Amino acid sequence: MSTDLASHETDTAHALAVELRMLAGQLRRRLRQEASVADWTESQRAVLLRLERQDGATVTELAQAEGVRSQSMGATVSALMEAGWIKGAPDPVDGRRTLLSITPQTRKMFRQVRAAREDWLQRTISARYSAAEQKQIASAVRLLQRLLEA
């Protein structure tokens, strides 16, 4: 492969990377607009999503997973508990530890928000794209899935 061709491919990959990153951010913001959630901070949102995936984590485990100090995570957890978004229960194996989990109210809100966002996407895709274009989008989605497997 010639140097010019390699340089062109690198430039193309870089341009795609920049465009994909920007589009992903725009899509994320648009989806948030379509189904707004409580005014959580980024750290609160991260904790809630982590607890949704891994129920029964401790403050220390959450802090390690998020790369923050336990004291900082403690403040985040306290605010979420006071607002009723998460709850704590004694660890059945080690009663000194408190295991945190999201409340049924939070789980229900997550389901509703995801449904609203998926509904907006489905309606928008149906309204703006022909059947042939929808197939192209499906192909692009499969390529993006491969990208995430890398």
N, C-alpha and C. Protein backbone atom coordinates (compact mmCIF):
# COMPACT_ATOMS: atom_id res chain seq x y z
N MET A 1 0.85 -1.17 0.00
CA MET A 1 0.00 0.00 0.00
C MET A 1 0.90 1.23 0.00
N SER A 2 0.58 2.18 -0.84
CA SER A 2 1.40 3.38 -0.92
C SER A 2 1.14 4.28 0.28
N THR A 3 2.08 5.17 0.52
CA THR A 3 1.96 6.09 1.65
C THR A 3 0.76 7.01 1.49
N ASP A 4 0.51 7.47 0.25
CA ASP A 4 -0.63 8.36 0.00
C ASP A 4 -1.95 7.66 0.30
N LEU A 5 -2.06 6.39 -0.12
CA LEU A 5 -3.29 5.64 0.12
C LEU A 5 -3.49 5.40 1.62
N ALA A 6 -2.43 5.05 2.31
CA ALA A 6 -2.51 4.83 3.76
C ALA A 6 -2.90 6.12 4.47
N SER A 7 -2.33 7.22 4.04
CA SER A 7 -2.65 8.52 4.63
C SER A 7 -4.11 8.88 4.38
N HIS A 8 -4.59 8.61 3.17
CA HIS A 8 -6.00 8.90 2.84
C HIS A 8 -6.94 8.06 3.70
N GLU A 9 -6.61 6.76 3.87
CA GLU A 9 -7.45 5.89 4.69
C GLU A 9 -7.44 6.34 6.15
N THR A 10 -6.31 6.78 6.64
CA THR A 10 -6.23 7.30 8.00
C THR A 10 -7.05 8.56 8.15
N ASP A 11 -6.95 9.46 7.16
CA ASP A 11 -7.74 10.69 7.19
C ASP A 11 -9.23 10.39 7.16
N THR A 12 -9.63 9.43 6.32
CA THR A 12 -11.04 9.04 6.23
C THR A 12 -11.53 8.45 7.55
N ALA A 13 -10.74 7.58 8.14
CA ALA A 13 -11.11 6.97 9.42
C ALA A 13 -11.21 8.04 10.50
N HIS A 14 -10.29 8.99 10.49
CA HIS A 14 -10.33 10.07 11.49
C HIS A 14 -11.58 10.91 11.30
N ALA A 15 -11.90 11.27 10.07
CA ALA A 15 -13.09 12.08 9.80
C ALA A 15 -14.35 11.33 10.24
N LEU A 16 -14.40 10.03 9.97
CA LEU A 16 -15.55 9.22 10.41
C LEU A 16 -15.64 9.18 11.93
N ALA A 17 -14.50 9.04 12.58
CA ALA A 17 -14.48 8.99 14.05
C ALA A 17 -15.03 10.28 14.63
N VAL A 18 -14.60 11.41 14.09
CA VAL A 18 -15.07 12.71 14.58
C VAL A 18 -16.57 12.85 14.34
N GLU A 19 -17.01 12.51 13.14
CA GLU A 19 -18.43 12.64 12.81
C GLU A 19 -19.30 11.71 13.66
N LEU A 20 -18.85 10.47 13.85
CA LEU A 20 -19.61 9.53 14.67
C LEU A 20 -19.72 10.01 16.11
N ARG A 21 -18.62 10.51 16.66
CA ARG A 21 -18.65 11.02 18.03
C ARG A 21 -19.63 12.17 18.16
N MET A 22 -19.60 13.08 17.20
CA MET A 22 -20.51 14.23 17.25
C MET A 22 -21.97 13.79 17.10
N LEU A 23 -22.22 12.87 16.16
CA LEU A 23 -23.59 12.38 15.96
C LEU A 23 -24.11 11.63 17.18
N ALA A 24 -23.24 10.85 17.80
CA ALA A 24 -23.66 10.12 19.01
C ALA A 24 -24.06 11.10 20.10
N GLY A 25 -23.30 12.16 20.26
CA GLY A 25 -23.64 13.18 21.25
C GLY A 25 -24.95 13.88 20.93
N GLN A 26 -25.15 14.21 19.66
CA GLN A 26 -26.39 14.87 19.25
C GLN A 26 -27.59 13.95 19.47
N LEU A 27 -27.44 12.68 19.12
CA LEU A 27 -28.53 11.73 19.32
C LEU A 27 -28.84 11.57 20.81
N ARG A 28 -27.81 11.47 21.63
CA ARG A 28 -28.02 11.35 23.08
C ARG A 28 -28.79 12.56 23.61
N ARG A 29 -28.37 13.76 23.19
CA ARG A 29 -29.07 14.98 23.66
C ARG A 29 -30.51 15.00 23.17
N ARG A 30 -30.73 14.61 21.93
CA ARG A 30 -32.10 14.61 21.38
C ARG A 30 -32.99 13.61 22.12
N LEU A 31 -32.46 12.45 22.41
CA LEU A 31 -33.24 11.46 23.15
C LEU A 31 -33.57 11.96 24.55
N ARG A 32 -32.64 12.66 25.17
CA ARG A 32 -32.92 13.24 26.49
C ARG A 32 -34.03 14.28 26.40
N GLN A 33 -34.05 15.05 25.31
CA GLN A 33 -35.11 16.05 25.13
C GLN A 33 -36.47 15.38 24.97
N GLU A 34 -36.50 14.27 24.28
CA GLU A 34 -37.77 13.59 23.99
C GLU A 34 -38.38 12.98 25.23
N ALA A 35 -37.58 12.59 26.17
CA ALA A 35 -38.09 12.00 27.41
C ALA A 35 -37.18 12.45 28.54
N SER A 36 -37.50 13.59 29.07
CA SER A 36 -36.64 14.12 30.12
C SER A 36 -36.83 13.33 31.41
N VAL A 37 -35.77 13.24 32.13
CA VAL A 37 -35.75 12.52 33.40
C VAL A 37 -35.55 13.56 34.49
N ALA A 38 -35.63 13.13 35.69
CA ALA A 38 -35.37 14.03 36.82
C ALA A 38 -34.04 14.75 36.61
N ASP A 39 -33.88 15.85 37.26
CA ASP A 39 -32.66 16.65 37.11
C ASP A 39 -31.51 16.04 37.90
N TRP A 40 -31.05 14.88 37.44
CA TRP A 40 -29.93 14.21 38.08
C TRP A 40 -28.63 14.80 37.56
N THR A 41 -27.62 14.81 38.42
CA THR A 41 -26.28 15.17 37.97
C THR A 41 -25.73 13.97 37.19
N GLU A 42 -24.63 14.19 36.49
CA GLU A 42 -24.01 13.08 35.76
C GLU A 42 -23.60 11.96 36.71
N SER A 43 -23.07 12.31 37.87
CA SER A 43 -22.64 11.26 38.81
C SER A 43 -23.85 10.51 39.36
N GLN A 44 -24.96 11.20 39.61
CA GLN A 44 -26.17 10.52 40.08
C GLN A 44 -26.71 9.59 39.00
N ARG A 45 -26.73 10.06 37.77
CA ARG A 45 -27.21 9.23 36.65
C ARG A 45 -26.34 7.98 36.52
N ALA A 46 -25.02 8.15 36.63
CA ALA A 46 -24.11 7.02 36.51
C ALA A 46 -24.37 5.99 37.61
N VAL A 47 -24.59 6.46 38.82
CA VAL A 47 -24.87 5.55 39.95
C VAL A 47 -26.17 4.79 39.71
N LEU A 48 -27.20 5.50 39.30
CA LEU A 48 -28.50 4.85 39.07
C LEU A 48 -28.41 3.80 37.97
N LEU A 49 -27.73 4.13 36.89
CA LEU A 49 -27.60 3.16 35.79
C LEU A 49 -26.77 1.96 36.21
N ARG A 50 -25.73 2.20 36.99
CA ARG A 50 -24.90 1.09 37.47
C ARG A 50 -25.71 0.19 38.41
N LEU A 51 -26.50 0.79 39.30
CA LEU A 51 -27.32 -0.01 40.22
C LEU A 51 -28.43 -0.74 39.48
N GLU A 52 -28.88 -0.18 38.38
CA GLU A 52 -29.89 -0.89 37.59
C GLU A 52 -29.28 -2.17 37.02
N ARG A 53 -28.04 -2.10 36.59
CA ARG A 53 -27.36 -3.27 36.02
C ARG A 53 -26.85 -4.22 37.10
N GLN A 54 -26.41 -3.66 38.22
CA GLN A 54 -25.78 -4.46 39.28
C GLN A 54 -26.41 -4.08 40.62
N ASP A 55 -27.55 -4.65 40.89
CA ASP A 55 -28.23 -4.38 42.16
C ASP A 55 -27.38 -4.90 43.31
N GLY A 56 -27.41 -4.19 44.40
CA GLY A 56 -26.73 -4.66 45.60
C GLY A 56 -25.26 -4.29 45.68
N ALA A 57 -24.91 -3.09 45.26
CA ALA A 57 -23.52 -2.62 45.36
C ALA A 57 -23.37 -1.76 46.62
N THR A 58 -22.16 -1.69 47.13
CA THR A 58 -21.87 -0.83 48.27
C THR A 58 -21.36 0.51 47.77
N VAL A 59 -21.30 1.48 48.68
CA VAL A 59 -20.76 2.80 48.32
C VAL A 59 -19.32 2.65 47.83
N THR A 60 -18.54 1.83 48.51
CA THR A 60 -17.14 1.62 48.12
C THR A 60 -17.04 1.02 46.72
N GLU A 61 -17.87 0.03 46.44
CA GLU A 61 -17.85 -0.59 45.11
C GLU A 61 -18.25 0.41 44.03
N LEU A 62 -19.26 1.22 44.32
CA LEU A 62 -19.68 2.24 43.36
C LEU A 62 -18.56 3.26 43.14
N ALA A 63 -17.91 3.67 44.21
CA ALA A 63 -16.82 4.65 44.10
C ALA A 63 -15.69 4.09 43.23
N GLN A 64 -15.33 2.84 43.47
CA GLN A 64 -14.27 2.22 42.66
C GLN A 64 -14.69 2.12 41.20
N ALA A 65 -15.92 1.72 40.95
CA ALA A 65 -16.39 1.58 39.58
C ALA A 65 -16.43 2.91 38.84
N GLU A 66 -16.73 3.98 39.55
CA GLU A 66 -16.84 5.30 38.93
C GLU A 66 -15.54 6.10 39.02
N GLY A 67 -14.55 5.56 39.72
CA GLY A 67 -13.26 6.24 39.81
C GLY A 67 -13.28 7.50 40.66
N VAL A 68 -14.05 7.46 41.75
CA VAL A 68 -14.10 8.61 42.66
C VAL A 68 -13.81 8.13 44.09
N ARG A 69 -13.62 9.08 44.99
CA ARG A 69 -13.38 8.73 46.39
C ARG A 69 -14.69 8.27 47.04
N SER A 70 -14.58 7.42 48.03
CA SER A 70 -15.76 6.92 48.75
C SER A 70 -16.57 8.06 49.36
N GLN A 71 -15.88 9.10 49.86
CA GLN A 71 -16.58 10.23 50.46
C GLN A 71 -17.44 10.95 49.43
N SER A 72 -16.90 11.13 48.23
CA SER A 72 -17.67 11.78 47.16
C SER A 72 -18.88 10.93 46.78
N MET A 73 -18.66 9.63 46.67
CA MET A 73 -19.76 8.73 46.33
C MET A 73 -20.79 8.72 47.44
N GLY A 74 -20.35 8.81 48.68
CA GLY A 74 -21.28 8.85 49.81
C GLY A 74 -22.24 10.02 49.71
N ALA A 75 -21.74 11.17 49.29
CA ALA A 75 -22.59 12.35 49.13
C ALA A 75 -23.61 12.13 48.01
N THR A 76 -23.16 11.54 46.91
CA THR A 76 -24.07 11.25 45.79
C THR A 76 -25.15 10.28 46.22
N VAL A 77 -24.75 9.22 46.90
CA VAL A 77 -25.69 8.20 47.36
C VAL A 77 -26.68 8.80 48.35
N SER A 78 -26.22 9.63 49.26
CA SER A 78 -27.11 10.25 50.25
C SER A 78 -28.20 11.08 49.57
N ALA A 79 -27.80 11.86 48.57
CA ALA A 79 -28.78 12.68 47.85
C ALA A 79 -29.81 11.81 47.14
N LEU A 80 -29.37 10.72 46.54
CA LEU A 80 -30.30 9.82 45.84
C LEU A 80 -31.22 9.10 46.83
N MET A 81 -30.71 8.75 47.99
CA MET A 81 -31.54 8.10 49.01
C MET A 81 -32.59 9.07 49.54
N GLU A 82 -32.17 10.29 49.83
CA GLU A 82 -33.11 11.30 50.34
C GLU A 82 -34.24 11.57 49.35
N ALA A 83 -33.92 11.50 48.06
CA ALA A 83 -34.92 11.75 47.03
C ALA A 83 -35.78 10.52 46.74
N GLY A 84 -35.42 9.37 47.32
CA GLY A 84 -36.21 8.16 47.12
C GLY A 84 -35.87 7.38 45.86
N TRP A 85 -34.73 7.69 45.22
CA TRP A 85 -34.36 6.99 43.99
C TRP A 85 -33.65 5.67 44.27
N ILE A 86 -32.97 5.58 45.41
CA ILE A 86 -32.30 4.33 45.79
C ILE A 86 -32.61 4.02 47.25
N LYS A 87 -32.36 2.77 47.62
CA LYS A 87 -32.57 2.35 49.01
C LYS A 87 -31.39 1.48 49.42
N GLY A 88 -31.20 1.37 50.71
CA GLY A 88 -30.13 0.54 51.25
C GLY A 88 -30.71 -0.55 52.14
N ALA A 89 -30.03 -1.69 52.15
CA ALA A 89 -30.44 -2.80 53.01
C ALA A 89 -29.18 -3.48 53.53
N PRO A 90 -29.24 -4.04 54.74
CA PRO A 90 -28.06 -4.72 55.28
C PRO A 90 -27.68 -5.92 54.40
N ASP A 91 -26.40 -6.12 54.22
CA ASP A 91 -25.89 -7.28 53.50
C ASP A 91 -26.23 -8.52 54.33
N PRO A 92 -26.92 -9.52 53.74
CA PRO A 92 -27.29 -10.71 54.52
C PRO A 92 -26.07 -11.51 54.99
N VAL A 93 -24.95 -11.37 54.31
CA VAL A 93 -23.74 -12.10 54.68
C VAL A 93 -22.91 -11.32 55.69
N ASP A 94 -22.83 -10.01 55.49
CA ASP A 94 -22.04 -9.15 56.38
C ASP A 94 -22.90 -7.95 56.75
N GLY A 95 -23.57 -8.03 57.86
CA GLY A 95 -24.52 -7.00 58.28
C GLY A 95 -23.93 -5.62 58.46
N ARG A 96 -22.60 -5.52 58.50
CA ARG A 96 -21.96 -4.20 58.62
C ARG A 96 -22.02 -3.42 57.32
N ARG A 97 -22.19 -4.13 56.22
CA ARG A 97 -22.22 -3.48 54.90
C ARG A 97 -23.66 -3.17 54.50
N THR A 98 -23.84 -2.08 53.77
CA THR A 98 -25.15 -1.71 53.24
C THR A 98 -25.13 -1.91 51.73
N LEU A 99 -26.07 -2.70 51.25
CA LEU A 99 -26.20 -2.94 49.82
C LEU A 99 -27.24 -1.98 49.26
N LEU A 100 -26.87 -1.29 48.21
CA LEU A 100 -27.74 -0.28 47.60
C LEU A 100 -28.43 -0.85 46.37
N SER A 101 -29.65 -0.40 46.15
CA SER A 101 -30.39 -0.80 44.95
C SER A 101 -31.35 0.33 44.58
N ILE A 102 -31.77 0.32 43.32
CA ILE A 102 -32.74 1.33 42.90
C ILE A 102 -34.12 0.92 43.39
N THR A 103 -34.97 1.90 43.57
CA THR A 103 -36.33 1.63 44.05
C THR A 103 -37.22 1.21 42.89
N PRO A 104 -38.36 0.57 43.17
CA PRO A 104 -39.30 0.24 42.11
C PRO A 104 -39.72 1.48 41.31
N GLN A 105 -39.85 2.62 41.99
CA GLN A 105 -40.20 3.88 41.32
C GLN A 105 -39.14 4.24 40.27
N THR A 106 -37.88 4.08 40.60
CA THR A 106 -36.79 4.39 39.67
C THR A 106 -36.79 3.43 38.51
N ARG A 107 -36.97 2.14 38.80
CA ARG A 107 -37.01 1.13 37.73
C ARG A 107 -38.16 1.43 36.76
N LYS A 108 -39.32 1.80 37.31
CA LYS A 108 -40.48 2.14 36.47
C LYS A 108 -40.17 3.36 35.61
N MET A 109 -39.53 4.37 36.19
CA MET A 109 -39.19 5.57 35.42
C MET A 109 -38.24 5.23 34.28
N PHE A 110 -37.24 4.39 34.54
CA PHE A 110 -36.31 3.99 33.49
C PHE A 110 -37.06 3.32 32.34
N ARG A 111 -38.00 2.42 32.66
CA ARG A 111 -38.77 1.74 31.61
C ARG A 111 -39.58 2.74 30.80
N GLN A 112 -40.23 3.68 31.47
CA GLN A 112 -41.05 4.68 30.78
C GLN A 112 -40.20 5.58 29.88
N VAL A 113 -39.07 6.00 30.39
CA VAL A 113 -38.19 6.88 29.61
C VAL A 113 -37.67 6.15 28.38
N ARG A 114 -37.23 4.91 28.56
CA ARG A 114 -36.73 4.15 27.41
C ARG A 114 -37.83 3.92 26.38
N ALA A 115 -39.02 3.63 26.85
CA ALA A 115 -40.14 3.42 25.92
C ALA A 115 -40.44 4.70 25.14
N ALA A 116 -40.42 5.84 25.80
CA ALA A 116 -40.69 7.11 25.12
C ALA A 116 -39.60 7.41 24.10
N ARG A 117 -38.37 7.15 24.43
CA ARG A 117 -37.26 7.40 23.50
C ARG A 117 -37.33 6.47 22.30
N GLU A 118 -37.62 5.20 22.55
CA GLU A 118 -37.75 4.24 21.45
C GLU A 118 -38.93 4.59 20.56
N ASP A 119 -40.02 5.05 21.17
CA ASP A 119 -41.19 5.47 20.40
C ASP A 119 -40.84 6.64 19.49
N TRP A 120 -40.12 7.63 20.02
CA TRP A 120 -39.72 8.78 19.20
C TRP A 120 -38.84 8.32 18.03
N LEU A 121 -37.87 7.45 18.32
CA LEU A 121 -37.00 6.95 17.25
C LEU A 121 -37.80 6.21 16.19
N GLN A 122 -38.70 5.34 16.62
CA GLN A 122 -39.50 4.56 15.67
C GLN A 122 -40.36 5.47 14.80
N ARG A 123 -41.03 6.43 15.42
CA ARG A 123 -41.88 7.36 14.66
C ARG A 123 -41.05 8.19 13.69
N THR A 124 -39.91 8.66 14.13
CA THR A 124 -39.06 9.50 13.28
C THR A 124 -38.51 8.70 12.11
N ILE A 125 -38.05 7.50 12.37
CA ILE A 125 -37.52 6.65 11.29
C ILE A 125 -38.63 6.35 10.29
N SER A 126 -39.81 5.99 10.78
CA SER A 126 -40.93 5.67 9.89
C SER A 126 -41.34 6.87 9.04
N ALA A 127 -41.34 8.05 9.64
CA ALA A 127 -41.80 9.25 8.94
C ALA A 127 -40.78 9.80 7.95
N ARG A 128 -39.50 9.66 8.24
CA ARG A 128 -38.48 10.34 7.44
C ARG A 128 -37.75 9.46 6.43
N TYR A 129 -37.84 8.15 6.58
CA TYR A 129 -37.03 7.29 5.74
C TYR A 129 -37.87 6.26 5.00
N SER A 130 -37.53 6.06 3.74
CA SER A 130 -38.20 5.04 2.93
C SER A 130 -37.77 3.66 3.43
N ALA A 131 -38.45 2.64 2.92
CA ALA A 131 -38.10 1.26 3.31
C ALA A 131 -36.65 0.95 2.94
N ALA A 132 -36.22 1.42 1.77
CA ALA A 132 -34.83 1.18 1.34
C ALA A 132 -33.85 1.89 2.28
N GLU A 133 -34.17 3.11 2.67
CA GLU A 133 -33.30 3.85 3.59
C GLU A 133 -33.27 3.19 4.97
N GLN A 134 -34.40 2.65 5.39
CA GLN A 134 -34.45 1.96 6.68
C GLN A 134 -33.54 0.72 6.65
N LYS A 135 -33.47 0.05 5.50
CA LYS A 135 -32.55 -1.08 5.37
C LYS A 135 -31.10 -0.61 5.45
N GLN A 136 -30.81 0.56 4.88
CA GLN A 136 -29.46 1.12 4.97
C GLN A 136 -29.12 1.44 6.43
N ILE A 137 -30.08 1.99 7.14
CA ILE A 137 -29.86 2.29 8.57
C ILE A 137 -29.60 1.00 9.33
N ALA A 138 -30.37 -0.04 9.03
CA ALA A 138 -30.17 -1.34 9.69
C ALA A 138 -28.76 -1.87 9.42
N SER A 139 -28.29 -1.72 8.19
CA SER A 139 -26.92 -2.15 7.86
C SER A 139 -25.89 -1.33 8.63
N ALA A 140 -26.12 -0.04 8.72
CA ALA A 140 -25.20 0.83 9.46
C ALA A 140 -25.18 0.45 10.94
N VAL A 141 -26.33 0.11 11.48
CA VAL A 141 -26.40 -0.30 12.89
C VAL A 141 -25.56 -1.55 13.12
N ARG A 142 -25.65 -2.50 12.20
CA ARG A 142 -24.84 -3.73 12.34
C ARG A 142 -23.34 -3.40 12.29
N LEU A 143 -22.95 -2.47 11.42
CA LEU A 143 -21.55 -2.06 11.35
C LEU A 143 -21.12 -1.39 12.66
N LEU A 144 -21.98 -0.56 13.21
CA LEU A 144 -21.66 0.10 14.48
C LEU A 144 -21.55 -0.91 15.62
N GLN A 145 -22.39 -1.95 15.57
CA GLN A 145 -22.28 -3.00 16.59
C GLN A 145 -20.92 -3.69 16.50
N ARG A 146 -20.45 -3.92 15.27
CA ARG A 146 -19.12 -4.51 15.10
C ARG A 146 -18.04 -3.59 15.64
N LEU A 147 -18.22 -2.30 15.45
CA LEU A 147 -17.26 -1.32 15.95
C LEU A 147 -17.15 -1.43 17.47
N LEU A 148 -18.28 -1.61 18.13
CA LEU A 148 -18.29 -1.70 19.59
C LEU A 148 -17.73 -3.02 20.10
N GLU A 149 -17.65 -4.01 19.25
CA GLU A 149 -17.08 -5.31 19.63
C GLU A 149 -15.56 -5.28 19.59
N ALA A 150 -15.00 -4.25 18.99
CA ALA A 150 -13.53 -4.16 18.82
C ALA A 150 -12.83 -4.01 20.15
